[in-house]
PDB file of N, CA and C in Angstrom:
ATOM      1  N   GLN A   1      65.208 112.799  56.788  1.00  0.00           N
ATOM      2  CA  GLN A   1      66.353 112.860  57.702  1.00  0.00           C
ATOM      3  C   GLN A   1      66.023 113.780  58.867  1.00  0.00           C
ATOM      4  N   VAL A   2      66.275 113.294  60.057  1.00  0.00           N
ATOM      5  CA  VAL A   2      66.003 114.068  61.259  1.00  0.00           C
ATOM      6  C   VAL A   2      67.286 114.735  61.720  1.00  0.00           C
ATOM      7  N   GLN A   3      67.195 116.009  62.014  1.00  0.00           N
ATOM      8  CA  GLN A   3      68.336 116.732  62.563  1.00  0.00           C
ATOM      9  C   GLN A   3      68.001 117.194  63.974  1.00  0.00           C
ATOM     10  N   LEU A   4      68.949 117.008  64.871  1.00  0.00           N
ATOM     11  CA  LEU A   4      68.775 117.373  66.274  1.00  0.00           C
ATOM     12  C   LEU A   4      69.868 118.356  66.679  1.00  0.00           C
ATOM     13  N   VAL A   5      69.471 119.420  67.343  1.00  0.00           N
ATOM     14  CA  VAL A   5      70.434 120.435  67.772  1.00  0.00           C
ATOM     15  C   VAL A   5      70.216 120.740  69.248  1.00  0.00           C
ATOM     16  N   GLU A   6      71.237 120.424  70.049  1.00  0.00           N
ATOM     17  CA  GLU A   6      71.161 120.669  71.491  1.00  0.00           C
ATOM     18  C   GLU A   6      71.635 122.083  71.823  1.00  0.00           C
ATOM     19  N   SER A   7      71.143 122.593  72.924  1.00  0.00           N
ATOM     20  CA  SER A   7      71.590 123.886  73.441  1.00  0.00           C
ATOM     21  C   SER A   7      71.345 123.920  74.937  1.00  0.00           C
ATOM     22  N   GLY A   8      71.925 124.914  75.591  1.00  0.00           N
ATOM     23  CA  GLY A   8      71.675 125.108  77.013  1.00  0.00           C
ATOM     24  C   GLY A   8      72.794 124.674  77.932  1.00  0.00           C
ATOM     25  N   GLY A   9      73.831 124.069  77.384  1.00  0.00           N
ATOM     26  CA  GLY A   9      74.940 123.662  78.223  1.00  0.00           C
ATOM     27  C   GLY A   9      75.729 124.860  78.723  1.00  0.00           C
ATOM     28  N   GLY A  10      76.666 124.591  79.628  1.00  0.00           N
ATOM     29  CA  GLY A  10      77.486 125.670  80.149  1.00  0.00           C
ATOM     30  C   GLY A  10      78.283 125.240  81.349  1.00  0.00           C
ATOM     31  N   LEU A  11      78.916 126.228  81.977  1.00  0.00           N
ATOM     32  CA  LEU A  11      79.725 126.009  83.176  1.00  0.00           C
ATOM     33  C   LEU A  11      78.950 126.540  84.375  1.00  0.00           C
ATOM     34  N   VAL A  12      78.701 125.671  85.345  1.00  0.00           N
ATOM     35  CA  VAL A  12      77.970 126.066  86.542  1.00  0.00           C
ATOM     36  C   VAL A  12      78.664 125.472  87.776  1.00  0.00           C
ATOM     37  N   GLN A  13      78.300 126.002  88.937  1.00  0.00           N
ATOM     38  CA  GLN A  13      78.824 125.462  90.183  1.00  0.00           C
ATOM     39  C   GLN A  13      77.932 124.323  90.673  1.00  0.00           C
ATOM     40  N   ALA A  14      78.513 123.488  91.493  1.00  0.00           N
ATOM     41  CA  ALA A  14      77.763 122.393  92.090  1.00  0.00           C
ATOM     42  C   ALA A  14      76.529 122.938  92.805  1.00  0.00           C
ATOM     43  N   GLY A  15      75.421 122.243  92.634  1.00  0.00           N
ATOM     44  CA  GLY A  15      74.168 122.659  93.239  1.00  0.00           C
ATOM     45  C   GLY A  15      73.283 123.489  92.335  1.00  0.00           C
ATOM     46  N   ALA A  16      73.838 123.962  91.246  1.00  0.00           N
ATOM     47  CA  ALA A  16      73.072 124.800  90.326  1.00  0.00           C
ATOM     48  C   ALA A  16      72.182 123.949  89.427  1.00  0.00           C
ATOM     49  N   SER A  17      71.403 124.650  88.604  1.00  0.00           N
ATOM     50  CA  SER A  17      70.511 123.995  87.660  1.00  0.00           C
ATOM     51  C   SER A  17      70.808 124.454  86.243  1.00  0.00           C
ATOM     52  N   LEU A  18      70.519 123.594  85.306  1.00  0.00           N
ATOM     53  CA  LEU A  18      70.590 123.910  83.883  1.00  0.00           C
ATOM     54  C   LEU A  18      69.427 123.228  83.191  1.00  0.00           C
ATOM     55  N   ARG A  19      68.980 123.836  82.102  1.00  0.00           N
ATOM     56  CA  ARG A  19      67.951 123.220  81.281  1.00  0.00           C
ATOM     57  C   ARG A  19      68.486 123.078  79.872  1.00  0.00           C
ATOM     58  N   LEU A  20      68.643 121.841  79.450  1.00  0.00           N
ATOM     59  CA  LEU A  20      69.071 121.570  78.093  1.00  0.00           C
ATOM     60  C   LEU A  20      67.851 121.469  77.183  1.00  0.00           C
ATOM     61  N   SER A  21      68.020 121.927  75.966  1.00  0.00           N
ATOM     62  CA  SER A  21      66.982 121.814  74.949  1.00  0.00           C
ATOM     63  C   SER A  21      67.552 121.096  73.741  1.00  0.00           C
ATOM     64  N   CYS A  22      66.691 120.424  73.029  1.00  0.00           N
ATOM     65  CA  CYS A  22      67.079 119.757  71.795  1.00  0.00           C
ATOM     66  C   CYS A  22      65.958 119.985  70.791  1.00  0.00           C
ATOM     67  N   ALA A  23      66.268 120.761  69.765  1.00  0.00           N
ATOM     68  CA  ALA A  23      65.284 121.081  68.741  1.00  0.00           C
ATOM     69  C   ALA A  23      65.457 120.148  67.551  1.00  0.00           C
ATOM     70  N   ALA A  24      64.355 119.621  67.073  1.00  0.00           N
ATOM     71  CA  ALA A  24      64.390 118.681  65.963  1.00  0.00           C
ATOM     72  C   ALA A  24      63.787 119.290  64.711  1.00  0.00           C
ATOM     73  N   SER A  25      64.305 118.862  63.575  1.00  0.00           N
ATOM     74  CA  SER A  25      63.722 119.236  62.293  1.00  0.00           C
ATOM     75  C   SER A  25      63.737 118.016  61.384  1.00  0.00           C
ATOM     76  N   GLY A  26      62.769 117.957  60.492  1.00  0.00           N
ATOM     77  CA  GLY A  26      62.653 116.796  59.619  1.00  0.00           C
ATOM     78  C   GLY A  26      61.923 115.671  60.321  1.00  0.00           C
ATOM     79  N   GLY A  27      61.332 114.793  59.580  1.00  0.00           N
ATOM     80  CA  GLY A  27      60.650 113.657  60.163  1.00  0.00           C
ATOM     81  C   GLY A  27      59.377 114.035  60.884  1.00  0.00           C
ATOM     82  N   THR A  28      58.869 113.106  61.675  1.00  0.00           N
ATOM     83  CA  THR A  28      57.640 113.304  62.439  1.00  0.00           C
ATOM     84  C   THR A  28      57.987 113.233  63.921  1.00  0.00           C
ATOM     85  N   PHE A  29      58.337 114.370  64.476  1.00  0.00           N
ATOM     86  CA  PHE A  29      58.865 114.439  65.835  1.00  0.00           C
ATOM     87  C   PHE A  29      57.935 113.781  66.843  1.00  0.00           C
ATOM     88  N   SER A  30      56.643 114.035  66.708  1.00  0.00           N
ATOM     89  CA  SER A  30      55.700 113.568  67.721  1.00  0.00           C
ATOM     90  C   SER A  30      55.590 112.050  67.775  1.00  0.00           C
ATOM     91  N   SER A  31      56.156 111.342  66.813  1.00  0.00           N
ATOM     92  CA  SER A  31      56.080 109.882  66.819  1.00  0.00           C
ATOM     93  C   SER A  31      57.327 109.227  67.381  1.00  0.00           C
ATOM     94  N   TYR A  32      58.336 110.014  67.676  1.00  0.00           N
ATOM     95  CA  TYR A  32      59.626 109.442  68.074  1.00  0.00           C
ATOM     96  C   TYR A  32      59.774 109.323  69.584  1.00  0.00           C
ATOM     97  N   ARG A  33      60.380 108.249  70.023  1.00  0.00           N
ATOM     98  CA  ARG A  33      60.910 108.197  71.378  1.00  0.00           C
ATOM     99  C   ARG A  33      62.205 108.981  71.381  1.00  0.00           C
ATOM    100  N   LEU A  34      62.452 109.695  72.452  1.00  0.00           N
ATOM    101  CA  LEU A  34      63.638 110.539  72.554  1.00  0.00           C
ATOM    102  C   LEU A  34      64.437 110.155  73.793  1.00  0.00           C
ATOM    103  N   GLY A  35      65.726 110.394  73.707  1.00  0.00           N
ATOM    104  CA  GLY A  35      66.580 110.086  74.841  1.00  0.00           C
ATOM    105  C   GLY A  35      67.675 111.116  75.004  1.00  0.00           C
ATOM    106  N   TRP A  36      68.173 111.192  76.215  1.00  0.00           N
ATOM    107  CA  TRP A  36      69.375 111.969  76.511  1.00  0.00           C
ATOM    108  C   TRP A  36      70.445 111.002  76.988  1.00  0.00           C
ATOM    109  N   PHE A  37      71.644 111.179  76.459  1.00  0.00           N
ATOM    110  CA  PHE A  37      72.813 110.406  76.849  1.00  0.00           C
ATOM    111  C   PHE A  37      73.923 111.388  77.177  1.00  0.00           C
ATOM    112  N   ARG A  38      74.950 110.911  77.843  1.00  0.00           N
ATOM    113  CA  ARG A  38      76.082 111.788  78.145  1.00  0.00           C
ATOM    114  C   ARG A  38      77.381 110.998  78.091  1.00  0.00           C
ATOM    115  N   GLN A  39      78.453 111.723  77.805  1.00  0.00           N
ATOM    116  CA  GLN A  39      79.774 111.108  77.743  1.00  0.00           C
ATOM    117  C   GLN A  39      80.766 111.999  78.459  1.00  0.00           C
ATOM    118  N   ALA A  40      81.315 111.470  79.532  1.00  0.00           N
ATOM    119  CA  ALA A  40      82.337 112.169  80.295  1.00  0.00           C
ATOM    120  C   ALA A  40      83.702 111.847  79.700  1.00  0.00           C
ATOM    121  N   PRO A  41      84.694 112.701  79.941  1.00  0.00           N
ATOM    122  CA  PRO A  41      86.036 112.460  79.401  1.00  0.00           C
ATOM    123  C   PRO A  41      86.571 111.093  79.828  1.00  0.00           C
ATOM    124  N   GLY A  42      87.041 110.338  78.860  1.00  0.00           N
ATOM    125  CA  GLY A  42      87.623 109.039  79.148  1.00  0.00           C
ATOM    126  C   GLY A  42      86.635 107.943  79.462  1.00  0.00           C
ATOM    127  N   LYS A  43      85.346 108.240  79.332  1.00  0.00           N
ATOM    128  CA  LYS A  43      84.320 107.237  79.638  1.00  0.00           C
ATOM    129  C   LYS A  43      83.441 106.991  78.422  1.00  0.00           C
ATOM    130  N   GLU A  44      82.726 105.881  78.470  1.00  0.00           N
ATOM    131  CA  GLU A  44      81.781 105.578  77.404  1.00  0.00           C
ATOM    132  C   GLU A  44      80.514 106.410  77.568  1.00  0.00           C
ATOM    133  N   ARG A  45      79.824 106.608  76.470  1.00  0.00           N
ATOM    134  CA  ARG A  45      78.558 107.323  76.518  1.00  0.00           C
ATOM    135  C   ARG A  45      77.543 106.492  77.290  1.00  0.00           C
ATOM    136  N   GLU A  46      76.787 107.154  78.144  1.00  0.00           N
ATOM    137  CA  GLU A  46      75.842 106.442  78.994  1.00  0.00           C
ATOM    138  C   GLU A  46      74.450 107.062  78.911  1.00  0.00           C
ATOM    139  N   PHE A  47      73.489 106.235  79.204  1.00  0.00           N
ATOM    140  CA  PHE A  47      72.083 106.642  79.205  1.00  0.00           C
ATOM    141  C   PHE A  47      71.805 107.591  80.366  1.00  0.00           C
ATOM    142  N   VAL A  48      70.978 108.619  80.091  1.00  0.00           N
ATOM    143  CA  VAL A  48      70.558 109.538  81.134  1.00  0.00           C
ATOM    144  C   VAL A  48      69.036 109.485  81.343  1.00  0.00           C
ATOM    145  N   ALA A  49      68.276 109.666  80.264  1.00  0.00           N
ATOM    146  CA  ALA A  49      66.824 109.720  80.406  1.00  0.00           C
ATOM    147  C   ALA A  49      66.170 109.462  79.064  1.00  0.00           C
ATOM    148  N   THR A  50      64.922 108.994  79.109  1.00  0.00           N
ATOM    149  CA  THR A  50      64.175 108.765  77.888  1.00  0.00           C
ATOM    150  C   THR A  50      62.715 109.118  78.102  1.00  0.00           C
ATOM    151  N   ILE A  51      62.024 109.444  77.005  1.00  0.00           N
ATOM    152  CA  ILE A  51      60.626 109.829  77.066  1.00  0.00           C
ATOM    153  C   ILE A  51      59.930 109.275  75.839  1.00  0.00           C
ATOM    154  N   ASP A  52      58.712 108.762  76.030  1.00  0.00           N
ATOM    155  CA  ASP A  52      58.013 108.186  74.892  1.00  0.00           C
ATOM    156  C   ASP A  52      57.392 109.279  74.029  1.00  0.00           C
ATOM    157  N   TRP A  53      56.721 108.864  72.966  1.00  0.00           N
ATOM    158  CA  TRP A  53      56.221 109.824  71.985  1.00  0.00           C
ATOM    159  C   TRP A  53      55.217 110.798  72.586  1.00  0.00           C
ATOM    160  N   SER A  54      54.446 110.349  73.565  1.00  0.00           N
ATOM    161  CA  SER A  54      53.387 111.184  74.124  1.00  0.00           C
ATOM    162  C   SER A  54      53.877 112.081  75.255  1.00  0.00           C
ATOM    163  N   GLY A  55      55.006 111.722  75.836  1.00  0.00           N
ATOM    164  CA  GLY A  55      55.479 112.441  77.012  1.00  0.00           C
ATOM    165  C   GLY A  55      54.942 111.885  78.312  1.00  0.00           C
ATOM    166  N   ALA A  56      54.086 110.883  78.223  1.00  0.00           N
ATOM    167  CA  ALA A  56      53.456 110.341  79.426  1.00  0.00           C
ATOM    168  C   ALA A  56      54.362 109.395  80.191  1.00  0.00           C
ATOM    169  N   ASN A  57      55.297 108.810  79.510  1.00  0.00           N
ATOM    170  CA  ASN A  57      56.175 107.815  80.135  1.00  0.00           C
ATOM    171  C   ASN A  57      57.620 108.256  80.024  1.00  0.00           C
ATOM    172  N   THR A  58      58.254 108.393  81.170  1.00  0.00           N
ATOM    173  CA  THR A  58      59.647 108.801  81.221  1.00  0.00           C
ATOM    174  C   THR A  58      60.424 107.866  82.136  1.00  0.00           C
ATOM    175  N   TYR A  59      61.709 107.851  81.932  1.00  0.00           N
ATOM    176  CA  TYR A  59      62.573 107.038  82.784  1.00  0.00           C
ATOM    177  C   TYR A  59      63.941 107.693  82.837  1.00  0.00           C
ATOM    178  N   CYS A  60      64.504 107.747  84.050  1.00  0.00           N
ATOM    179  CA  CYS A  60      65.828 108.324  84.225  1.00  0.00           C
ATOM    180  C   CYS A  60      66.766 107.302  84.848  1.00  0.00           C
ATOM    181  N   ALA A  61      68.027 107.443  84.531  1.00  0.00           N
ATOM    182  CA  ALA A  61      69.047 106.591  85.135  1.00  0.00           C
ATOM    183  C   ALA A  61      69.085 106.820  86.640  1.00  0.00           C
ATOM    184  N   ASP A  62      69.477 105.806  87.370  1.00  0.00           N
ATOM    185  CA  ASP A  62      69.531 105.911  88.828  1.00  0.00           C
ATOM    186  C   ASP A  62      70.434 107.062  89.282  1.00  0.00           C
ATOM    187  N   SER A  63      71.494 107.312  88.525  1.00  0.00           N
ATOM    188  CA  SER A  63      72.464 108.333  88.905  1.00  0.00           C
ATOM    189  C   SER A  63      71.878 109.746  88.870  1.00  0.00           C
ATOM    190  N   VAL A  64      70.794 109.946  88.153  1.00  0.00           N
ATOM    191  CA  VAL A  64      70.195 111.276  88.041  1.00  0.00           C
ATOM    192  C   VAL A  64      68.756 111.320  88.531  1.00  0.00           C
ATOM    193  N   LYS A  65      68.214 110.190  88.919  1.00  0.00           N
ATOM    194  CA  LYS A  65      66.819 110.129  89.354  1.00  0.00           C
ATOM    195  C   LYS A  65      66.603 111.053  90.546  1.00  0.00           C
ATOM    196  N   GLY A  66      65.527 111.815  90.483  1.00  0.00           N
ATOM    197  CA  GLY A  66      65.234 112.769  91.551  1.00  0.00           C
ATOM    198  C   GLY A  66      65.877 114.126  91.347  1.00  0.00           C
ATOM    199  N   ARG A  67      66.841 114.213  90.428  1.00  0.00           N
ATOM    200  CA  ARG A  67      67.504 115.493  90.138  1.00  0.00           C
ATOM    201  C   ARG A  67      67.219 115.981  88.725  1.00  0.00           C
ATOM    202  N   PHE A  68      67.123 115.064  87.782  1.00  0.00           N
ATOM    203  CA  PHE A  68      66.895 115.400  86.376  1.00  0.00           C
ATOM    204  C   PHE A  68      65.465 115.038  85.979  1.00  0.00           C
ATOM    205  N   ASN A  69      64.940 115.800  85.034  1.00  0.00           N
ATOM    206  CA  ASN A  69      63.611 115.510  84.510  1.00  0.00           C
ATOM    207  C   ASN A  69      63.606 115.736  83.001  1.00  0.00           C
ATOM    208  N   ILE A  70      63.054 114.770  82.279  1.00  0.00           N
ATOM    209  CA  ILE A  70      62.949 114.891  80.828  1.00  0.00           C
ATOM    210  C   ILE A  70      61.510 115.227  80.469  1.00  0.00           C
ATOM    211  N   SER A  71      61.353 116.105  79.494  1.00  0.00           N
ATOM    212  CA  SER A  71      60.025 116.466  79.021  1.00  0.00           C
ATOM    213  C   SER A  71      60.109 116.823  77.548  1.00  0.00           C
ATOM    214  N   ARG A  72      58.954 116.988  76.925  1.00  0.00           N
ATOM    215  CA  ARG A  72      58.950 117.316  75.499  1.00  0.00           C
ATOM    216  C   ARG A  72      57.769 118.211  75.182  1.00  0.00           C
ATOM    217  N   ASP A  73      57.930 118.970  74.115  1.00  0.00           N
ATOM    218  CA  ASP A  73      56.865 119.814  73.585  1.00  0.00           C
ATOM    219  C   ASP A  73      56.733 119.461  72.110  1.00  0.00           C
ATOM    220  N   ASN A  74      55.774 118.626  71.802  1.00  0.00           N
ATOM    221  CA  ASN A  74      55.626 118.166  70.418  1.00  0.00           C
ATOM    222  C   ASN A  74      55.208 119.291  69.475  1.00  0.00           C
ATOM    223  N   ALA A  75      54.557 120.294  70.003  1.00  0.00           N
ATOM    224  CA  ALA A  75      54.167 121.425  69.160  1.00  0.00           C
ATOM    225  C   ALA A  75      55.376 122.234  68.714  1.00  0.00           C
ATOM    226  N   LYS A  76      56.443 122.172  69.529  1.00  0.00           N
ATOM    227  CA  LYS A  76      57.657 122.924  69.211  1.00  0.00           C
ATOM    228  C   LYS A  76      58.806 122.017  68.783  1.00  0.00           C
ATOM    229  N   ASN A  77      58.511 120.721  68.617  1.00  0.00           N
ATOM    230  CA  ASN A  77      59.544 119.766  68.180  1.00  0.00           C
ATOM    231  C   ASN A  77      60.791 119.857  69.051  1.00  0.00           C
ATOM    232  N   THR A  78      60.591 119.907  70.340  1.00  0.00           N
ATOM    233  CA  THR A  78      61.700 120.109  71.258  1.00  0.00           C
ATOM    234  C   THR A  78      61.588 119.166  72.458  1.00  0.00           C
ATOM    235  N   VAL A  79      62.722 118.651  72.873  1.00  0.00           N
ATOM    236  CA  VAL A  79      62.814 117.855  74.086  1.00  0.00           C
ATOM    237  C   VAL A  79      63.743 118.580  75.054  1.00  0.00           C
ATOM    238  N   PHE A  80      63.431 118.452  76.342  1.00  0.00           N
ATOM    239  CA  PHE A  80      64.166 119.177  77.358  1.00  0.00           C
ATOM    240  C   PHE A  80      64.761 118.207  78.384  1.00  0.00           C
ATOM    241  N   LEU A  81      65.837 118.648  79.006  1.00  0.00           N
ATOM    242  CA  LEU A  81      66.382 117.943  80.156  1.00  0.00           C
ATOM    243  C   LEU A  81      66.638 118.988  81.241  1.00  0.00           C
ATOM    244  N   GLN A  82      65.778 118.979  82.246  1.00  0.00           N
ATOM    245  CA  GLN A  82      65.951 119.876  83.384  1.00  0.00           C
ATOM    246  C   GLN A  82      66.880 119.193  84.374  1.00  0.00           C
ATOM    247  N   MET A  83      67.984 119.848  84.666  1.00  0.00           N
ATOM    248  CA  MET A  83      68.987 119.263  85.547  1.00  0.00           C
ATOM    249  C   MET A  83      69.122 120.139  86.791  1.00  0.00           C
ATOM    250  N   ASN A  84      68.797 119.577  87.932  1.00  0.00           N
ATOM    251  CA  ASN A  84      68.869 120.281  89.205  1.00  0.00           C
ATOM    252  C   ASN A  84      69.924 119.644  90.105  1.00  0.00           C
ATOM    253  N   SER A  85      70.340 120.398  91.101  1.00  0.00           N
ATOM    254  CA  SER A  85      71.321 119.888  92.074  1.00  0.00           C
ATOM    255  C   SER A  85      72.505 119.240  91.376  1.00  0.00           C
ATOM    256  N   LEU A  86      73.069 119.944  90.429  1.00  0.00           N
ATOM    257  CA  LEU A  86      74.160 119.382  89.625  1.00  0.00           C
ATOM    258  C   LEU A  86      75.381 119.089  90.483  1.00  0.00           C
ATOM    259  N   LYS A  87      76.054 118.020  90.101  1.00  0.00           N
ATOM    260  CA  LYS A  87      77.252 117.563  90.792  1.00  0.00           C
ATOM    261  C   LYS A  87      78.431 117.573  89.821  1.00  0.00           C
ATOM    262  N   PRO A  88      79.650 117.648  90.322  1.00  0.00           N
ATOM    263  CA  PRO A  88      80.813 117.598  89.411  1.00  0.00           C
ATOM    264  C   PRO A  88      80.803 116.347  88.534  1.00  0.00           C
ATOM    265  N   GLU A  89      80.290 115.248  89.049  1.00  0.00           N
ATOM    266  CA  GLU A  89      80.257 114.013  88.256  1.00  0.00           C
ATOM    267  C   GLU A  89      79.228 114.044  87.131  1.00  0.00           C
ATOM    268  N   ASP A  90      78.440 115.102  87.059  1.00  0.00           N
ATOM    269  CA  ASP A  90      77.523 115.271  85.929  1.00  0.00           C
ATOM    270  C   ASP A  90      78.223 115.921  84.737  1.00  0.00           C
ATOM    271  N   THR A  91      79.460 116.336  84.926  1.00  0.00           N
ATOM    272  CA  THR A  91      80.220 116.945  83.839  1.00  0.00           C
ATOM    273  C   THR A  91      80.368 115.976  82.678  1.00  0.00           C
ATOM    274  N   ALA A  92      79.937 116.407  81.502  1.00  0.00           N
ATOM    275  CA  ALA A  92      79.951 115.543  80.321  1.00  0.00           C
ATOM    276  C   ALA A  92      79.443 116.335  79.120  1.00  0.00           C
ATOM    277  N   VAL A  93      79.602 115.734  77.957  1.00  0.00           N
ATOM    278  CA  VAL A  93      78.893 116.210  76.774  1.00  0.00           C
ATOM    279  C   VAL A  93      77.553 115.488  76.739  1.00  0.00           C
ATOM    280  N   TYR A  94      76.494 116.247  76.635  1.00  0.00           N
ATOM    281  CA  TYR A  94      75.138 115.689  76.642  1.00  0.00           C
ATOM    282  C   TYR A  94      74.593 115.663  75.217  1.00  0.00           C
ATOM    283  N   TYR A  95      74.067 114.498  74.853  1.00  0.00           N
ATOM    284  CA  TYR A  95      73.531 114.286  73.514  1.00  0.00           C
ATOM    285  C   TYR A  95      72.052 113.933  73.593  1.00  0.00           C
ATOM    286  N   CYS A  96      71.273 114.485  72.676  1.00  0.00           N
ATOM    287  CA  CYS A  96      69.911 113.994  72.539  1.00  0.00           C
ATOM    288  C   CYS A  96      69.860 113.056  71.337  1.00  0.00           C
ATOM    289  N   ALA A  97      68.901 112.155  71.389  1.00  0.00           N
ATOM    290  CA  ALA A  97      68.769 111.149  70.356  1.00  0.00           C
ATOM    291  C   ALA A  97      67.295 110.840  70.123  1.00  0.00           C
ATOM    292  N   ALA A  98      66.994 110.384  68.929  1.00  0.00           N
ATOM    293  CA  ALA A  98      65.625 110.022  68.575  1.00  0.00           C
ATOM    294  C   ALA A  98      65.626 108.701  67.830  1.00  0.00           C
ATOM    295  N   ARG A  99      64.543 107.968  67.982  1.00  0.00           N
ATOM    296  CA  ARG A  99      64.442 106.736  67.223  1.00  0.00           C
ATOM    297  C   ARG A  99      63.070 106.636  66.576  1.00  0.00           C
ATOM    298  N   SER A 100      63.059 105.978  65.426  1.00  0.00           N
ATOM    299  CA  SER A 100      61.839 105.867  64.634  1.00  0.00           C
ATOM    300  C   SER A 100      60.847 104.944  65.317  1.00  0.00           C
ATOM    301  N   PRO A 101      59.569 105.161  65.072  1.00  0.00           N
ATOM    302  CA  PRO A 101      58.538 104.351  65.713  1.00  0.00           C
ATOM    303  C   PRO A 101      58.384 102.975  65.076  1.00  0.00           C
ATOM    304  N   LYS A 102      58.797 101.964  65.794  1.00  0.00           N
ATOM    305  CA  LYS A 102      58.573 100.585  65.398  1.00  0.00           C
ATOM    306  C   LYS A 102      58.679  99.733  66.661  1.00  0.00           C
ATOM    307  N   THR A 103      58.558  98.442  66.502  1.00  0.00           N
ATOM    308  CA  THR A 103      58.613  97.567  67.658  1.00  0.00           C
ATOM    309  C   THR A 103      60.063  97.298  68.056  1.00  0.00           C
ATOM    310  N   TYR A 104      60.348  97.507  69.326  1.00  0.00           N
ATOM    311  CA  TYR A 104      61.698  97.304  69.832  1.00  0.00           C
ATOM    312  C   TYR A 104      61.674  96.340  71.002  1.00  0.00           C
ATOM    313  N   PRO A 105      62.785  95.668  71.266  1.00  0.00           N
ATOM    314  CA  PRO A 105      62.845  94.804  72.448  1.00  0.00           C
ATOM    315  C   PRO A 105      62.668  95.621  73.718  1.00  0.00           C
ATOM    316  N   TYR A 106      62.061  94.988  74.700  1.00  0.00           N
ATOM    317  CA  TYR A 106      61.852  95.654  75.980  1.00  0.00           C
ATOM    318  C   TYR A 106      63.195  96.076  76.572  1.00  0.00           C
ATOM    319  N   GLY A 107      63.272  97.303  77.028  1.00  0.00           N
ATOM    320  CA  GLY A 107      64.495  97.813  77.624  1.00  0.00           C
ATOM    321  C   GLY A 107      65.456  98.443  76.650  1.00  0.00           C
ATOM    322  N   SER A 108      65.166  98.333  75.374  1.00  0.00           N
ATOM    323  CA  SER A 108      66.100  98.864  74.379  1.00  0.00           C
ATOM    324  C   SER A 108      66.158 100.387  74.400  1.00  0.00           C
ATOM    325  N   GLU A 109      65.148 101.005  74.993  1.00  0.00           N
ATOM    326  CA  GLU A 109      65.141 102.469  75.038  1.00  0.00           C
ATOM    327  C   GLU A 109      66.281 103.015  75.886  1.00  0.00           C
ATOM    328  N   LEU A 110      66.921 102.155  76.649  1.00  0.00           N
ATOM    329  CA  LEU A 110      68.067 102.568  77.453  1.00  0.00           C
ATOM    330  C   LEU A 110      69.378 102.406  76.696  1.00  0.00           C
ATOM    331  N   LYS A 111      69.322 101.812  75.527  1.00  0.00           N
ATOM    332  CA  LYS A 111      70.515 101.467  74.765  1.00  0.00           C
ATOM    333  C   LYS A 111      70.717 102.444  73.626  1.00  0.00           C
ATOM    334  N   GLN A 112      71.891 103.019  73.535  1.00  0.00           N
ATOM    335  CA  GLN A 112      72.144 104.007  72.495  1.00  0.00           C
ATOM    336  C   GLN A 112      72.033 103.414  71.109  1.00  0.00           C
ATOM    337  N   GLY A 113      72.293 102.127  70.978  1.00  0.00           N
ATOM    338  CA  GLY A 113      72.238 101.496  69.666  1.00  0.00           C
ATOM    339  C   GLY A 113      70.852 101.468  69.045  1.00  0.00           C
ATOM    340  N   SER A 114      69.811 101.669  69.851  1.00  0.00           N
ATOM    341  CA  SER A 114      68.453 101.618  69.318  1.00  0.00           C
ATOM    342  C   SER A 114      67.997 102.959  68.760  1.00  0.00           C
ATOM    343  N   TYR A 115      68.791 103.989  68.906  1.00  0.00           N
ATOM    344  CA  TYR A 115      68.429 105.324  68.439  1.00  0.00           C
ATOM    345  C   TYR A 115      69.037 105.584  67.060  1.00  0.00           C
ATOM    346  N   ASN A 116      68.235 106.195  66.209  1.00  0.00           N
ATOM    347  CA  ASN A 116      68.629 106.395  64.814  1.00  0.00           C
ATOM    348  C   ASN A 116      69.352 107.719  64.562  1.00  0.00           C
ATOM    349  N   TRP A 117      68.960 108.755  65.298  1.00  0.00           N
ATOM    350  CA  TRP A 117      69.482 110.085  65.011  1.00  0.00           C
ATOM    351  C   TRP A 117      70.038 110.725  66.279  1.00  0.00           C
ATOM    352  N   TRP A 118      71.121 111.476  66.105  1.00  0.00           N
ATOM    353  CA  TRP A 118      71.834 112.070  67.234  1.00  0.00           C
ATOM    354  C   TRP A 118      72.151 113.527  66.960  1.00  0.00           C
ATOM    355  N   GLY A 119      72.160 114.313  68.030  1.00  0.00           N
ATOM    356  CA  GLY A 119      72.637 115.673  67.940  1.00  0.00           C
ATOM    357  C   GLY A 119      74.147 115.719  68.076  1.00  0.00           C
ATOM    358  N   GLN A 120      74.695 116.922  67.988  1.00  0.00           N
ATOM    359  CA  GLN A 120      76.140 117.092  68.041  1.00  0.00           C
ATOM    360  C   GLN A 120      76.659 117.183  69.468  1.00  0.00           C
ATOM    361  N   GLY A 121      75.761 117.368  70.420  1.00  0.00           N
ATOM    362  CA  GLY A 121      76.150 117.413  71.818  1.00  0.00           C
ATOM    363  C   GLY A 121      76.327 118.828  72.340  1.00  0.00           C
ATOM    364  N   THR A 122      76.145 118.975  73.645  1.00  0.00           N
ATOM    365  CA  THR A 122      76.373 120.249  74.319  1.00  0.00           C
ATOM    366  C   THR A 122      77.125 119.972  75.614  1.00  0.00           C
ATOM    367  N   GLN A 123      78.134 120.786  75.882  1.00  0.00           N
ATOM    368  CA  GLN A 123      79.007 120.547  77.037  1.00  0.00           C
ATOM    369  C   GLN A 123      78.373 121.095  78.315  1.00  0.00           C
ATOM    370  N   VAL A 124      78.382 120.268  79.336  1.00  0.00           N
ATOM    371  CA  VAL A 124      77.970 120.678  80.677  1.00  0.00           C
ATOM    372  C   VAL A 124      79.157 120.460  81.601  1.00  0.00           C
ATOM    373  N   THR A 125      79.570 121.518  82.263  1.00  0.00           N
ATOM    374  CA  THR A 125      80.692 121.423  83.192  1.00  0.00           C
ATOM    375  C   THR A 125      80.236 121.936  84.553  1.00  0.00           C
ATOM    376  N   VAL A 126      80.422 121.096  85.567  1.00  0.00           N
ATOM    377  CA  VAL A 126      79.999 121.448  86.921  1.00  0.00           C
ATOM    378  C   VAL A 126      81.239 121.528  87.793  1.00  0.00           C
ATOM    379  N   SER A 127      81.492 122.697  88.333  1.00  0.00           N
ATOM    380  CA  SER A 127      82.666 122.889  89.180  1.00  0.00           C
ATOM    381  C   SER A 127      82.287 122.692  90.651  1.00  0.00           C
ATOM    382  N   SER A 128      83.263 122.238  91.420  1.00  0.00           N
ATOM    383  CA  SER A 128      83.013 121.960  92.843  1.00  0.00           C
ATOM    384  C   SER A 128      83.263 123.185  93.695  1.00  0.00           C
TER     385      SER A 128
END
């Protein structure tokens, strides 16, 4: 069983930066694809960013591209989300997720349903 614990959220002003961390335990972290998702009040959870097992391939949603960066440290079983130039519309609970290594349909890494394990979330609030 894989457990994921997010940290690093908080209340910041527009334009500020935050770095979210997600520490994993159990399983084989270095083999998992990881993702960050977020859910704003009254909205569905949406994809933010994903990174493959090696860290060589990443992808971010258009809404955060150029501002957010996902990375991982397999030696520390941790995935990060560096968030720069934060906007009020980035306010949400941010979740990290992991999925087991197997063959998946192309594009499924953007879909929350393809991830097996989830953290409890960390709140990010951006004031204007």
